[in-house]
Amino acid sequence: MRSIATALATIGLLVGLAAERSRADLDRRGPRELDWDSSRDRRLAPHEAPIPGTHDSGSYAITSHSEWALTGKNDFGKLSSVPGFLVKPTAARWSRTQSKPIFFQFADGIRYVDLRLSNEPDARLYIEHGLRSATIDEVIADVALFAGAHPKEVLFVDFGRFTRASTPAAHATLLSKIRGSLGAYLVPASTGSSATLNQI
């Protein structure tokens, strides 16, 4: 068992290293290929411009081994108490609507991401869609990485559906993480909803 766990940990480390290298290699393609948004008519307000987005954008990390999110226990009801090997493969296929991490979605031209948050009993904030996906830290790091490398691109990050277990402390933690990693890239509320892409 220990050798299997060691092998899985090694595979996980190699996959993580490969993903980091892929992010760096992709980012080297430069602004001509990845900064498409900055080349369109920027006199439009965001609500006037088509914004390509993904649904349940943070669900890419869901697998048949993912833990049930609090919403999943409600959505799947009694099925969530059935042994995982019987129901989770199907639940994971239903829950995972994206296959790429947020950085790569942005690199593919997506500019709006839909992130559903859950404050789970282990006191960590996850992206969820029935099952737990990536942590909020991983997702925010991807947003910051792309935003820092492509400052002319306007990214729309929708943090929504914070589960019923959300608390003032969980909200404060989320805001702290957003401000800490993305503060330099945030558009001030004073900009207003009628601001054009140029003004943003």
C-alpha atoms as a PDB file:
ATOM      1  CA  MET A   1       0.000   0.000   0.000  1.00  0.00           C
ATOM      2  CA  ARG A   2       2.807   2.387   0.893  1.00  0.00           C
ATOM      3  CA  SER A   3       4.485   1.848  -2.502  1.00  0.00           C
ATOM      4  CA  ILE A   4       1.190   2.602  -4.294  1.00  0.00           C
ATOM      5  CA  ALA A   5       0.753   5.774  -2.233  1.00  0.00           C
ATOM      6  CA  THR A   6       4.336   6.798  -3.027  1.00  0.00           C
ATOM      7  CA  ALA A   7       3.792   6.138  -6.727  1.00  0.00           C
ATOM      8  CA  LEU A   8       0.560   8.163  -6.735  1.00  0.00           C
ATOM      9  CA  ALA A   9       2.248  11.030  -4.893  1.00  0.00           C
ATOM     10  CA  THR A  10       5.096  10.975  -7.429  1.00  0.00           C
ATOM     11  CA  ILE A  11       2.634  10.990 -10.341  1.00  0.00           C
ATOM     12  CA  GLY A  12       0.759  13.893  -8.729  1.00  0.00           C
ATOM     13  CA  LEU A  13       4.005  15.827  -8.321  1.00  0.00           C
ATOM     14  CA  LEU A  14       5.004  15.192 -11.951  1.00  0.00           C
ATOM     15  CA  VAL A  15       1.574  16.233 -13.213  1.00  0.00           C
ATOM     16  CA  GLY A  16       1.775  19.404 -11.105  1.00  0.00           C
ATOM     17  CA  LEU A  17       5.260  20.209 -12.421  1.00  0.00           C
ATOM     18  CA  ALA A  18       4.112  19.558 -16.006  1.00  0.00           C
ATOM     19  CA  ALA A  19       1.141  21.893 -15.524  1.00  0.00           C
ATOM     20  CA  GLU A  20       3.400  24.654 -14.177  1.00  0.00           C
ATOM     21  CA  ARG A  21       5.777  24.201 -17.109  1.00  0.00           C
ATOM     22  CA  SER A  22       2.844  24.226 -19.544  1.00  0.00           C
ATOM     23  CA  ARG A  23       1.585  27.497 -18.039  1.00  0.00           C
ATOM     24  CA  ALA A  24       5.028  29.061 -18.460  1.00  0.00           C
ATOM     25  CA  ASP A  25       5.419  27.726 -22.025  1.00  0.00           C
ATOM     26  CA  LEU A  26       1.933  28.903 -22.988  1.00  0.00           C
ATOM     27  CA  ASP A  27       2.548  32.331 -21.526  1.00  0.00           C
ATOM     28  CA  ARG A  28       5.665  32.699 -23.685  1.00  0.00           C
ATOM     29  CA  ARG A  29       3.478  32.757 -26.805  1.00  0.00           C
ATOM     30  CA  GLY A  30       3.078  36.445 -26.105  1.00  0.00           C
ATOM     31  CA  PRO A  31       0.392  39.089 -26.419  1.00  0.00           C
ATOM     32  CA  ARG A  32      -0.293  38.678 -30.137  1.00  0.00           C
ATOM     33  CA  GLU A  33      -1.837  35.263 -29.537  1.00  0.00           C
ATOM     34  CA  LEU A  34      -3.301  35.580 -26.041  1.00  0.00           C
ATOM     35  CA  ASP A  35      -4.377  39.220 -25.849  1.00  0.00           C
ATOM     36  CA  TRP A  36      -7.214  39.079 -28.374  1.00  0.00           C
ATOM     37  CA  ASP A  37      -9.600  41.054 -26.157  1.00  0.00           C
ATOM     38  CA  SER A  38      -7.444  44.181 -26.223  1.00  0.00           C
ATOM     39  CA  SER A  39      -7.630  44.301 -30.041  1.00  0.00           C
ATOM     40  CA  ARG A  40     -11.431  44.697 -30.324  1.00  0.00           C
ATOM     41  CA  ASP A  41     -13.595  47.818 -30.124  1.00  0.00           C
ATOM     42  CA  ARG A  42     -12.940  49.031 -26.616  1.00  0.00           C
ATOM     43  CA  ARG A  43     -15.433  51.889 -26.816  1.00  0.00           C
ATOM     44  CA  LEU A  44     -18.119  49.390 -25.809  1.00  0.00           C
ATOM     45  CA  ALA A  45     -19.273  48.843 -22.245  1.00  0.00           C
ATOM     46  CA  PRO A  46     -19.000  45.227 -21.060  1.00  0.00           C
ATOM     47  CA  HIS A  47     -22.777  44.747 -21.297  1.00  0.00           C
ATOM     48  CA  GLU A  48     -22.619  45.781 -24.977  1.00  0.00           C
ATOM     49  CA  ALA A  49     -19.797  43.431 -25.938  1.00  0.00           C
ATOM     50  CA  PRO A  50     -19.898  39.655 -26.378  1.00  0.00           C
ATOM     51  CA  ILE A  51     -17.909  38.121 -23.543  1.00  0.00           C
ATOM     52  CA  PRO A  52     -16.946  34.451 -24.056  1.00  0.00           C
ATOM     53  CA  GLY A  53     -17.398  32.519 -20.839  1.00  0.00           C
ATOM     54  CA  THR A  54     -17.588  29.054 -19.354  1.00  0.00           C
ATOM     55  CA  HIS A  55     -20.240  27.513 -17.114  1.00  0.00           C
ATOM     56  CA  ASP A  56     -19.127  26.081 -13.766  1.00  0.00           C
ATOM     57  CA  SER A  57     -15.625  27.103 -14.773  1.00  0.00           C
ATOM     58  CA  GLY A  58     -13.935  25.733 -11.669  1.00  0.00           C
ATOM     59  CA  SER A  59     -15.288  22.187 -11.972  1.00  0.00           C
ATOM     60  CA  TYR A  60     -12.230  20.949 -13.918  1.00  0.00           C
ATOM     61  CA  ALA A  61     -10.639  19.298 -10.850  1.00  0.00           C
ATOM     62  CA  ILE A  62     -13.633  17.110  -9.987  1.00  0.00           C
ATOM     63  CA  THR A  63     -12.954  13.373 -10.159  1.00  0.00           C
ATOM     64  CA  SER A  64     -14.739  10.239  -9.013  1.00  0.00           C
ATOM     65  CA  HIS A  65     -12.612  10.493  -5.836  1.00  0.00           C
ATOM     66  CA  SER A  66     -13.712  14.028  -4.966  1.00  0.00           C
ATOM     67  CA  GLU A  67     -15.523  14.595  -1.692  1.00  0.00           C
ATOM     68  CA  TRP A  68     -19.183  15.561  -1.760  1.00  0.00           C
ATOM     69  CA  ALA A  69     -19.665  19.301  -1.443  1.00  0.00           C
ATOM     70  CA  LEU A  70     -22.376  20.478   0.924  1.00  0.00           C
ATOM     71  CA  THR A  71     -24.544  21.363  -2.074  1.00  0.00           C
ATOM     72  CA  GLY A  72     -23.960  17.901  -3.531  1.00  0.00           C
ATOM     73  CA  LYS A  73     -25.352  16.265  -0.438  1.00  0.00           C
ATOM     74  CA  ASN A  74     -28.499  18.333  -0.921  1.00  0.00           C
ATOM     75  CA  ASP A  75     -28.650  17.986  -4.725  1.00  0.00           C
ATOM     76  CA  PHE A  76     -28.015  14.229  -4.793  1.00  0.00           C
ATOM     77  CA  GLY A  77     -29.968  13.491  -1.607  1.00  0.00           C
ATOM     78  CA  LYS A  78     -29.839   9.831  -0.570  1.00  0.00           C
ATOM     79  CA  LEU A  79     -27.448   9.009  -3.413  1.00  0.00           C
ATOM     80  CA  SER A  80     -24.723  10.872  -1.530  1.00  0.00           C
ATOM     81  CA  SER A  81     -24.886   8.237   1.228  1.00  0.00           C
ATOM     82  CA  VAL A  82     -24.398   5.353  -1.231  1.00  0.00           C
ATOM     83  CA  PRO A  83     -20.797   4.032  -1.338  1.00  0.00           C
ATOM     84  CA  GLY A  84     -18.770   6.391  -3.497  1.00  0.00           C
ATOM     85  CA  PHE A  85     -17.503   3.780  -5.951  1.00  0.00           C
ATOM     86  CA  LEU A  86     -21.110   3.129  -6.999  1.00  0.00           C
ATOM     87  CA  VAL A  87     -22.338   6.677  -7.552  1.00  0.00           C
ATOM     88  CA  LYS A  88     -19.387   9.068  -7.725  1.00  0.00           C
ATOM     89  CA  PRO A  89     -18.158   8.130 -11.230  1.00  0.00           C
ATOM     90  CA  THR A  90     -21.556   9.178 -12.622  1.00  0.00           C
ATOM     91  CA  ALA A  91     -21.797  12.180 -10.304  1.00  0.00           C
ATOM     92  CA  ALA A  92     -18.321  13.338 -11.379  1.00  0.00           C
ATOM     93  CA  ARG A  93     -19.211  13.098 -15.075  1.00  0.00           C
ATOM     94  CA  TRP A  94     -22.330  15.194 -14.407  1.00  0.00           C
ATOM     95  CA  SER A  95     -20.517  17.705 -12.185  1.00  0.00           C
ATOM     96  CA  ARG A  96     -17.347  18.301 -14.236  1.00  0.00           C
ATOM     97  CA  THR A  97     -18.304  20.702 -17.032  1.00  0.00           C
ATOM     98  CA  GLN A  98     -14.768  21.931 -17.803  1.00  0.00           C
ATOM     99  CA  SER A  99     -11.549  20.043 -18.433  1.00  0.00           C
ATOM    100  CA  LYS A 100      -8.979  22.834 -18.157  1.00  0.00           C
ATOM    101  CA  PRO A 101      -7.781  24.946 -15.214  1.00  0.00           C
ATOM    102  CA  ILE A 102      -8.750  28.618 -15.179  1.00  0.00           C
ATOM    103  CA  PHE A 103      -5.404  29.829 -16.564  1.00  0.00           C
ATOM    104  CA  PHE A 104      -5.817  27.655 -19.663  1.00  0.00           C
ATOM    105  CA  GLN A 105      -9.436  28.707 -20.106  1.00  0.00           C
ATOM    106  CA  PHE A 106      -8.239  32.317 -20.230  1.00  0.00           C
ATOM    107  CA  ALA A 107      -5.447  31.307 -22.611  1.00  0.00           C
ATOM    108  CA  ASP A 108      -8.090  29.743 -24.889  1.00  0.00           C
ATOM    109  CA  GLY A 109      -9.882  33.103 -25.083  1.00  0.00           C
ATOM    110  CA  ILE A 110     -12.415  32.794 -22.263  1.00  0.00           C
ATOM    111  CA  ARG A 111     -12.894  36.102 -20.435  1.00  0.00           C
ATOM    112  CA  TYR A 112     -15.777  35.297 -18.038  1.00  0.00           C
ATOM    113  CA  VAL A 113     -15.542  32.530 -15.453  1.00  0.00           C
ATOM    114  CA  ASP A 114     -18.383  31.266 -13.280  1.00  0.00           C
ATOM    115  CA  LEU A 115     -17.075  30.082  -9.894  1.00  0.00           C
ATOM    116  CA  ARG A 116     -19.372  28.436  -7.347  1.00  0.00           C
ATOM    117  CA  LEU A 117     -17.984  28.594  -3.852  1.00  0.00           C
ATOM    118  CA  SER A 118     -18.410  26.347  -0.868  1.00  0.00           C
ATOM    119  CA  ASN A 119     -17.235  26.791   2.708  1.00  0.00           C
ATOM    120  CA  GLU A 120     -16.723  23.141   3.605  1.00  0.00           C
ATOM    121  CA  PRO A 121     -16.590  21.465   7.045  1.00  0.00           C
ATOM    122  CA  ASP A 122     -12.786  21.171   6.803  1.00  0.00           C
ATOM    123  CA  ALA A 123     -12.755  25.002   7.013  1.00  0.00           C
ATOM    124  CA  ARG A 124     -11.415  25.414   3.465  1.00  0.00           C
ATOM    125  CA  LEU A 125     -13.015  27.272   0.577  1.00  0.00           C
ATOM    126  CA  TYR A 126     -13.544  25.166  -2.539  1.00  0.00           C
ATOM    127  CA  ILE A 127     -15.023  25.617  -5.951  1.00  0.00           C
ATOM    128  CA  GLU A 128     -17.866  23.129  -6.186  1.00  0.00           C
ATOM    129  CA  HIS A 129     -20.456  21.658  -8.473  1.00  0.00           C
ATOM    130  CA  GLY A 130     -21.990  18.853  -6.451  1.00  0.00           C
ATOM    131  CA  LEU A 131     -18.509  17.537  -5.671  1.00  0.00           C
ATOM    132  CA  ARG A 132     -15.524  19.488  -4.400  1.00  0.00           C
ATOM    133  CA  SER A 133     -13.172  20.792  -7.054  1.00  0.00           C
ATOM    134  CA  ALA A 134     -10.092  23.018  -6.735  1.00  0.00           C
ATOM    135  CA  THR A 135      -9.492  25.232  -3.735  1.00  0.00           C
ATOM    136  CA  ILE A 136     -10.098  28.945  -4.036  1.00  0.00           C
ATOM    137  CA  ASP A 137      -6.347  29.493  -3.603  1.00  0.00           C
ATOM    138  CA  GLU A 138      -5.541  27.537  -6.777  1.00  0.00           C
ATOM    139  CA  VAL A 139      -8.153  29.387  -8.796  1.00  0.00           C
ATOM    140  CA  ILE A 140      -7.162  32.847  -7.570  1.00  0.00           C
ATOM    141  CA  ALA A 141      -3.509  32.036  -8.318  1.00  0.00           C
ATOM    142  CA  ASP A 142      -4.467  31.182 -11.919  1.00  0.00           C
ATOM    143  CA  VAL A 143      -6.423  34.426 -12.314  1.00  0.00           C
ATOM    144  CA  ALA A 144      -3.501  36.433 -10.909  1.00  0.00           C
ATOM    145  CA  LEU A 145      -0.988  34.646 -13.127  1.00  0.00           C
ATOM    146  CA  PHE A 146      -2.914  35.405 -16.311  1.00  0.00           C
ATOM    147  CA  ALA A 147      -3.891  38.948 -15.290  1.00  0.00           C
ATOM    148  CA  GLY A 148      -0.296  39.797 -14.431  1.00  0.00           C
ATOM    149  CA  ALA A 149       1.005  38.505 -17.758  1.00  0.00           C
ATOM    150  CA  HIS A 150      -1.781  40.115 -19.832  1.00  0.00           C
ATOM    151  CA  PRO A 151      -2.620  43.473 -18.232  1.00  0.00           C
ATOM    152  CA  LYS A 152      -4.651  44.745 -21.206  1.00  0.00           C
ATOM    153  CA  GLU A 153      -7.130  41.877 -21.034  1.00  0.00           C
ATOM    154  CA  VAL A 154     -10.373  42.432 -19.102  1.00  0.00           C
ATOM    155  CA  LEU A 155     -11.319  39.348 -17.071  1.00  0.00           C
ATOM    156  CA  PHE A 156     -14.728  38.841 -15.462  1.00  0.00           C
ATOM    157  CA  VAL A 157     -14.600  36.590 -12.395  1.00  0.00           C
ATOM    158  CA  ASP A 158     -18.013  35.760 -10.952  1.00  0.00           C
ATOM    159  CA  PHE A 159     -17.837  34.362  -7.413  1.00  0.00           C
ATOM    160  CA  GLY A 160     -21.327  33.047  -6.794  1.00  0.00           C
ATOM    161  CA  ARG A 161     -23.577  30.628  -4.977  1.00  0.00           C
ATOM    162  CA  PHE A 162     -21.710  30.687  -1.691  1.00  0.00           C
ATOM    163  CA  THR A 163     -23.291  27.734   0.137  1.00  0.00           C
ATOM    164  CA  ARG A 164     -25.535  28.013   3.156  1.00  0.00           C
ATOM    165  CA  ALA A 165     -22.564  27.153   5.366  1.00  0.00           C
ATOM    166  CA  SER A 166     -20.956  30.467   4.470  1.00  0.00           C
ATOM    167  CA  THR A 167     -20.312  32.645   7.482  1.00  0.00           C
ATOM    168  CA  PRO A 168     -19.092  36.216   8.000  1.00  0.00           C
ATOM    169  CA  ALA A 169     -15.669  34.713   8.744  1.00  0.00           C
ATOM    170  CA  ALA A 170     -15.698  32.734   5.468  1.00  0.00           C
ATOM    171  CA  HIS A 171     -16.669  35.867   3.528  1.00  0.00           C
ATOM    172  CA  ALA A 172     -13.877  37.795   5.227  1.00  0.00           C
ATOM    173  CA  THR A 173     -11.409  35.039   4.304  1.00  0.00           C
ATOM    174  CA  LEU A 174     -12.553  35.110   0.676  1.00  0.00           C
ATOM    175  CA  LEU A 175     -12.255  38.898   0.457  1.00  0.00           C
ATOM    176  CA  SER A 176      -8.824  38.761   2.046  1.00  0.00           C
ATOM    177  CA  LYS A 177      -7.644  36.189  -0.509  1.00  0.00           C
ATOM    178  CA  ILE A 178      -9.078  38.191  -3.419  1.00  0.00           C
ATOM    179  CA  ARG A 179      -7.567  41.473  -2.253  1.00  0.00           C
ATOM    180  CA  GLY A 180      -4.271  39.848  -1.361  1.00  0.00           C
ATOM    181  CA  SER A 181      -3.709  38.168  -4.738  1.00  0.00           C
ATOM    182  CA  LEU A 182      -5.821  40.227  -7.133  1.00  0.00           C
ATOM    183  CA  GLY A 183      -5.933  43.668  -5.502  1.00  0.00           C
ATOM    184  CA  ALA A 184      -3.714  45.271  -8.139  1.00  0.00           C
ATOM    185  CA  TYR A 185      -5.996  44.002 -10.925  1.00  0.00           C
ATOM    186  CA  LEU A 186      -9.427  44.838  -9.483  1.00  0.00           C
ATOM    187  CA  VAL A 187     -11.588  47.502 -11.114  1.00  0.00           C
ATOM    188  CA  PRO A 188     -12.727  50.040  -8.475  1.00  0.00           C
ATOM    189  CA  ALA A 189     -16.475  50.080  -7.820  1.00  0.00           C
ATOM    190  CA  SER A 190     -16.391  53.815  -8.533  1.00  0.00           C
ATOM    191  CA  THR A 191     -15.719  53.003 -12.204  1.00  0.00           C
ATOM    192  CA  GLY A 192     -19.440  52.281 -12.577  1.00  0.00           C
ATOM    193  CA  SER A 193     -21.332  49.805 -14.755  1.00  0.00           C
ATOM    194  CA  SER A 194     -21.436  52.059 -17.820  1.00  0.00           C
ATOM    195  CA  ALA A 195     -17.630  52.296 -18.128  1.00  0.00           C
ATOM    196  CA  THR A 196     -16.217  51.208 -21.470  1.00  0.00           C
ATOM    197  CA  LEU A 197     -13.549  48.556 -21.864  1.00  0.00           C
ATOM    198  CA  ASN A 198     -11.090  51.394 -22.507  1.00  0.00           C
ATOM    199  CA  GLN A 199     -11.987  53.000 -19.182  1.00  0.00           C
ATOM    200  CA  ILE A 200     -11.632  49.725 -17.346  1.00  0.00           C
END
